[in-house]
Amino acid sequence: MLFDFERDFAGSLRCIPMIARQKLDIVGIKLSLRQWSRFSREERAQLADLPCVSDGEQAAYRELVARLIATRTDEPLRPLAERGLEDWRDPGHMPQAVRAQAHADGIAPPTAREWAALTPLQRFALIKLARSRHENENFVPAMKEFGILRHDDRQRENMAAL
């Protein structure tokens, strides 16, 4: 499952899609883009598609990633240093980082009702995009795709583009 906002850069699986990032976070593995690029296209697709919900699925996913890193790269498996992205699991609490990113982009953050109505993967994506060390250029497109960019925000976005 790829979001529209990530199709340009993740559609070919050259970049790690949000669905795989979420699963890597769940199992506590930090995977670099360099390591990801050493996996075959089929292996990357498998990491995006495999279930990772139950304890058994998570153990199998972690084992597969560890094996791929060991056999395809010359780098060690690195545990995820920051486990704070698990806020996506709580539909009743929107992290401050999401509010701050919305403010920085000049748009309204999701309302409590909108946040609660998002899927866990959508909440994960917004948190990840808000906490990204990159330019966060996909935060607004994600908000639009998820149907939570309000009409007045779209007008402001259009005015800024002129």
C-alpha atoms as a PDB file:
ATOM      1  CA  MET A   1       0.000   0.000   0.000  1.00  0.00           C
ATOM      2  CA  LEU A   2       1.504   3.276  -1.143  1.00  0.00           C
ATOM      3  CA  PHE A   3       0.077   6.708  -0.534  1.00  0.00           C
ATOM      4  CA  ASP A   4      -0.328   9.001  -3.520  1.00  0.00           C
ATOM      5  CA  PHE A   5       2.073  11.554  -2.001  1.00  0.00           C
ATOM      6  CA  GLU A   6       4.873   8.967  -1.983  1.00  0.00           C
ATOM      7  CA  ARG A   7       4.305   7.373  -5.392  1.00  0.00           C
ATOM      8  CA  ASP A   8       6.908   9.581  -7.114  1.00  0.00           C
ATOM      9  CA  PHE A   9       9.718   8.550  -4.802  1.00  0.00           C
ATOM     10  CA  ALA A  10       8.544   5.243  -3.327  1.00  0.00           C
ATOM     11  CA  GLY A  11       6.505   3.796  -6.179  1.00  0.00           C
ATOM     12  CA  SER A  12       9.574   2.120  -7.645  1.00  0.00           C
ATOM     13  CA  LEU A  13      10.530   1.003  -4.131  1.00  0.00           C
ATOM     14  CA  ARG A  14      13.829   2.859  -4.445  1.00  0.00           C
ATOM     15  CA  CYS A  15      12.821   4.667  -1.265  1.00  0.00           C
ATOM     16  CA  ILE A  16      11.320   3.099   1.827  1.00  0.00           C
ATOM     17  CA  PRO A  17       7.515   3.492   1.708  1.00  0.00           C
ATOM     18  CA  MET A  18       5.591   4.493   4.829  1.00  0.00           C
ATOM     19  CA  ILE A  19       4.078   1.014   5.173  1.00  0.00           C
ATOM     20  CA  ALA A  20       7.563  -0.528   5.446  1.00  0.00           C
ATOM     21  CA  ARG A  21       8.799   2.302   7.695  1.00  0.00           C
ATOM     22  CA  GLN A  22       5.932   1.647  10.067  1.00  0.00           C
ATOM     23  CA  LYS A  23       6.749  -2.058  10.216  1.00  0.00           C
ATOM     24  CA  LEU A  24      10.440  -1.344  10.774  1.00  0.00           C
ATOM     25  CA  ASP A  25       9.500   0.975  13.636  1.00  0.00           C
ATOM     26  CA  ILE A  26       7.213  -1.681  15.091  1.00  0.00           C
ATOM     27  CA  VAL A  27      10.064  -4.203  15.194  1.00  0.00           C
ATOM     28  CA  GLY A  28      12.580  -1.570  16.337  1.00  0.00           C
ATOM     29  CA  ILE A  29      15.011  -1.669  13.415  1.00  0.00           C
ATOM     30  CA  LYS A  30      16.704   1.374  11.920  1.00  0.00           C
ATOM     31  CA  LEU A  31      17.169   0.659   8.225  1.00  0.00           C
ATOM     32  CA  SER A  32      19.199   3.044   6.106  1.00  0.00           C
ATOM     33  CA  LEU A  33      18.311   3.857   2.520  1.00  0.00           C
ATOM     34  CA  ARG A  34      21.673   2.369   1.574  1.00  0.00           C
ATOM     35  CA  GLN A  35      20.720  -0.946   3.187  1.00  0.00           C
ATOM     36  CA  TRP A  36      17.253  -0.837   1.603  1.00  0.00           C
ATOM     37  CA  SER A  37      18.780  -0.269  -1.833  1.00  0.00           C
ATOM     38  CA  ARG A  38      20.862  -3.438  -1.484  1.00  0.00           C
ATOM     39  CA  PHE A  39      17.729  -5.574  -1.224  1.00  0.00           C
ATOM     40  CA  SER A  40      16.195  -6.906  -4.436  1.00  0.00           C
ATOM     41  CA  ARG A  41      12.974  -5.330  -5.695  1.00  0.00           C
ATOM     42  CA  GLU A  42      11.140  -8.504  -4.671  1.00  0.00           C
ATOM     43  CA  GLU A  43      12.593  -8.358  -1.148  1.00  0.00           C
ATOM     44  CA  ARG A  44      11.600  -4.687  -0.803  1.00  0.00           C
ATOM     45  CA  ALA A  45       8.088  -5.508  -2.004  1.00  0.00           C
ATOM     46  CA  GLN A  46       7.942  -8.367   0.488  1.00  0.00           C
ATOM     47  CA  LEU A  47       8.904  -5.998   3.331  1.00  0.00           C
ATOM     48  CA  ALA A  48       6.121  -3.649   2.264  1.00  0.00           C
ATOM     49  CA  ASP A  49       3.535  -6.432   1.942  1.00  0.00           C
ATOM     50  CA  LEU A  50       4.221  -8.793   4.853  1.00  0.00           C
ATOM     51  CA  PRO A  51       1.893  -8.566   7.842  1.00  0.00           C
ATOM     52  CA  CYS A  52       3.419  -7.245  11.045  1.00  0.00           C
ATOM     53  CA  VAL A  53       0.616  -7.179  13.589  1.00  0.00           C
ATOM     54  CA  SER A  54       0.790 -10.226  15.852  1.00  0.00           C
ATOM     55  CA  ASP A  55       3.822 -11.097  17.969  1.00  0.00           C
ATOM     56  CA  GLY A  56       4.622 -13.986  15.635  1.00  0.00           C
ATOM     57  CA  GLU A  57       4.376 -11.798  12.526  1.00  0.00           C
ATOM     58  CA  GLN A  58       6.603  -9.192  14.142  1.00  0.00           C
ATOM     59  CA  ALA A  59       9.192 -11.794  15.102  1.00  0.00           C
ATOM     60  CA  ALA A  60       9.177 -13.189  11.550  1.00  0.00           C
ATOM     61  CA  TYR A  61       9.444  -9.688  10.070  1.00  0.00           C
ATOM     62  CA  ARG A  62      12.348  -8.775  12.352  1.00  0.00           C
ATOM     63  CA  GLU A  63      14.102 -12.038  11.513  1.00  0.00           C
ATOM     64  CA  LEU A  64      13.681 -11.451   7.773  1.00  0.00           C
ATOM     65  CA  VAL A  65      15.041  -7.892   7.972  1.00  0.00           C
ATOM     66  CA  ALA A  66      17.976  -9.061  10.087  1.00  0.00           C
ATOM     67  CA  ARG A  67      18.742 -11.825   7.575  1.00  0.00           C
ATOM     68  CA  LEU A  68      18.520  -9.441   4.607  1.00  0.00           C
ATOM     69  CA  ILE A  69      20.835  -6.939   6.282  1.00  0.00           C
ATOM     70  CA  ALA A  70      23.317  -9.692   7.132  1.00  0.00           C
ATOM     71  CA  THR A  71      23.326 -11.225   3.653  1.00  0.00           C
ATOM     72  CA  ARG A  72      22.919  -8.166   1.429  1.00  0.00           C
ATOM     73  CA  THR A  73      24.875  -5.430   3.179  1.00  0.00           C
ATOM     74  CA  ASP A  74      28.193  -4.894   4.857  1.00  0.00           C
ATOM     75  CA  GLU A  75      26.541  -2.974   7.699  1.00  0.00           C
ATOM     76  CA  PRO A  76      25.296  -4.201  11.066  1.00  0.00           C
ATOM     77  CA  LEU A  77      21.672  -4.303  12.135  1.00  0.00           C
ATOM     78  CA  ARG A  78      20.976  -1.145  14.102  1.00  0.00           C
ATOM     79  CA  PRO A  79      18.205  -0.921  16.664  1.00  0.00           C
ATOM     80  CA  LEU A  80      15.913   2.068  16.409  1.00  0.00           C
ATOM     81  CA  ALA A  81      17.168   4.689  18.840  1.00  0.00           C
ATOM     82  CA  GLU A  82      13.928   6.649  19.096  1.00  0.00           C
ATOM     83  CA  ARG A  83      10.776   4.699  19.807  1.00  0.00           C
ATOM     84  CA  GLY A  84       8.649   7.842  20.263  1.00  0.00           C
ATOM     85  CA  LEU A  85       6.793   7.465  16.981  1.00  0.00           C
ATOM     86  CA  GLU A  86       4.373   5.020  18.559  1.00  0.00           C
ATOM     87  CA  ASP A  87       1.964   7.914  19.143  1.00  0.00           C
ATOM     88  CA  TRP A  88       0.258   6.748  15.944  1.00  0.00           C
ATOM     89  CA  ARG A  89      -1.325   3.957  17.970  1.00  0.00           C
ATOM     90  CA  ASP A  90      -3.376   6.432  20.021  1.00  0.00           C
ATOM     91  CA  PRO A  91      -6.262   7.957  18.056  1.00  0.00           C
ATOM     92  CA  GLY A  92      -7.113  10.070  21.100  1.00  0.00           C
ATOM     93  CA  HIS A  93      -3.822  11.982  21.239  1.00  0.00           C
ATOM     94  CA  MET A  94      -2.268  13.977  18.421  1.00  0.00           C
ATOM     95  CA  PRO A  95       1.450  14.655  19.001  1.00  0.00           C
ATOM     96  CA  GLN A  96       2.633  18.238  19.260  1.00  0.00           C
ATOM     97  CA  ALA A  97       4.954  17.668  16.287  1.00  0.00           C
ATOM     98  CA  VAL A  98       1.927  17.351  13.981  1.00  0.00           C
ATOM     99  CA  ARG A  99       0.434  20.599  15.291  1.00  0.00           C
ATOM    100  CA  ALA A 100       3.796  22.343  14.965  1.00  0.00           C
ATOM    101  CA  GLN A 101       4.320  21.138  11.382  1.00  0.00           C
ATOM    102  CA  ALA A 102       0.817  22.231  10.375  1.00  0.00           C
ATOM    103  CA  HIS A 103       1.500  25.652  11.912  1.00  0.00           C
ATOM    104  CA  ALA A 104       4.870  25.872  10.116  1.00  0.00           C
ATOM    105  CA  ASP A 105       3.086  25.083   6.822  1.00  0.00           C
ATOM    106  CA  GLY A 106       0.391  27.680   7.500  1.00  0.00           C
ATOM    107  CA  ILE A 107      -2.447  25.175   7.709  1.00  0.00           C
ATOM    108  CA  ALA A 108      -4.765  24.051  10.469  1.00  0.00           C
ATOM    109  CA  PRO A 109      -3.803  20.816  12.196  1.00  0.00           C
ATOM    110  CA  PRO A 110      -6.262  17.933  12.155  1.00  0.00           C
ATOM    111  CA  THR A 111      -9.112  18.308  14.616  1.00  0.00           C
ATOM    112  CA  ALA A 112      -9.404  15.701  17.364  1.00  0.00           C
ATOM    113  CA  ARG A 113     -12.216  14.043  15.390  1.00  0.00           C
ATOM    114  CA  GLU A 114     -10.165  14.027  12.166  1.00  0.00           C
ATOM    115  CA  TRP A 115      -7.123  12.620  13.954  1.00  0.00           C
ATOM    116  CA  ALA A 116      -9.204   9.842  15.524  1.00  0.00           C
ATOM    117  CA  ALA A 117     -10.766   8.985  12.140  1.00  0.00           C
ATOM    118  CA  LEU A 118      -7.385   8.479  10.429  1.00  0.00           C
ATOM    119  CA  THR A 119      -6.082   4.957   9.968  1.00  0.00           C
ATOM    120  CA  PRO A 120      -3.079   3.979  12.089  1.00  0.00           C
ATOM    121  CA  LEU A 121      -0.864   4.136   8.980  1.00  0.00           C
ATOM    122  CA  GLN A 122      -2.125   7.637   8.124  1.00  0.00           C
ATOM    123  CA  ARG A 123      -1.385   8.801  11.687  1.00  0.00           C
ATOM    124  CA  PHE A 124       2.055   7.192  11.453  1.00  0.00           C
ATOM    125  CA  ALA A 125       2.737   8.981   8.144  1.00  0.00           C
ATOM    126  CA  LEU A 126       1.782  12.410   9.506  1.00  0.00           C
ATOM    127  CA  ILE A 127       3.925  11.911  12.602  1.00  0.00           C
ATOM    128  CA  LYS A 128       6.855  10.670  10.514  1.00  0.00           C
ATOM    129  CA  LEU A 129       6.507  13.580   8.075  1.00  0.00           C
ATOM    130  CA  ALA A 130       6.217  16.075  10.933  1.00  0.00           C
ATOM    131  CA  ARG A 131       9.298  14.718  12.698  1.00  0.00           C
ATOM    132  CA  SER A 132      11.329  14.191   9.544  1.00  0.00           C
ATOM    133  CA  ARG A 133      14.789  15.690   9.393  1.00  0.00           C
ATOM    134  CA  HIS A 134      14.090  16.545   5.765  1.00  0.00           C
ATOM    135  CA  GLU A 135      12.116  19.480   4.383  1.00  0.00           C
ATOM    136  CA  ASN A 136       8.745  17.945   5.267  1.00  0.00           C
ATOM    137  CA  GLU A 137       7.515  18.748   1.763  1.00  0.00           C
ATOM    138  CA  ASN A 138       5.037  15.873   1.815  1.00  0.00           C
ATOM    139  CA  PHE A 139       3.190  16.907   4.976  1.00  0.00           C
ATOM    140  CA  VAL A 140       0.681  19.148   3.167  1.00  0.00           C
ATOM    141  CA  PRO A 141       0.155  16.676   0.298  1.00  0.00           C
ATOM    142  CA  ALA A 142      -0.478  13.955   2.905  1.00  0.00           C
ATOM    143  CA  MET A 143      -2.998  16.151   4.737  1.00  0.00           C
ATOM    144  CA  LYS A 144      -4.732  16.781   1.406  1.00  0.00           C
ATOM    145  CA  GLU A 145      -4.726  13.090   0.477  1.00  0.00           C
ATOM    146  CA  PHE A 146      -6.146  12.125   3.870  1.00  0.00           C
ATOM    147  CA  GLY A 147      -9.000  14.624   3.407  1.00  0.00           C
ATOM    148  CA  ILE A 148      -8.098  16.837   6.354  1.00  0.00           C
ATOM    149  CA  LEU A 149      -6.814  19.924   4.565  1.00  0.00           C
ATOM    150  CA  ARG A 150      -9.720  22.313   5.036  1.00  0.00           C
ATOM    151  CA  HIS A 151     -11.103  24.595   2.329  1.00  0.00           C
ATOM    152  CA  ASP A 152      -9.578  27.780   3.829  1.00  0.00           C
ATOM    153  CA  ASP A 153      -6.210  26.008   4.004  1.00  0.00           C
ATOM    154  CA  ARG A 154      -6.468  25.125   0.305  1.00  0.00           C
ATOM    155  CA  GLN A 155      -7.197  28.759  -0.546  1.00  0.00           C
ATOM    156  CA  ARG A 156      -4.145  29.867   1.439  1.00  0.00           C
ATOM    157  CA  GLU A 157      -2.049  27.160  -0.239  1.00  0.00           C
ATOM    158  CA  ASN A 158      -3.214  28.307  -3.690  1.00  0.00           C
ATOM    159  CA  MET A 159      -2.479  31.960  -2.849  1.00  0.00           C
ATOM    160  CA  ALA A 160       1.030  31.056  -1.687  1.00  0.00           C
ATOM    161  CA  ALA A 161       1.672  29.212  -4.954  1.00  0.00           C
ATOM    162  CA  LEU A 162       0.920  32.378  -6.975  1.00  0.00           C
END
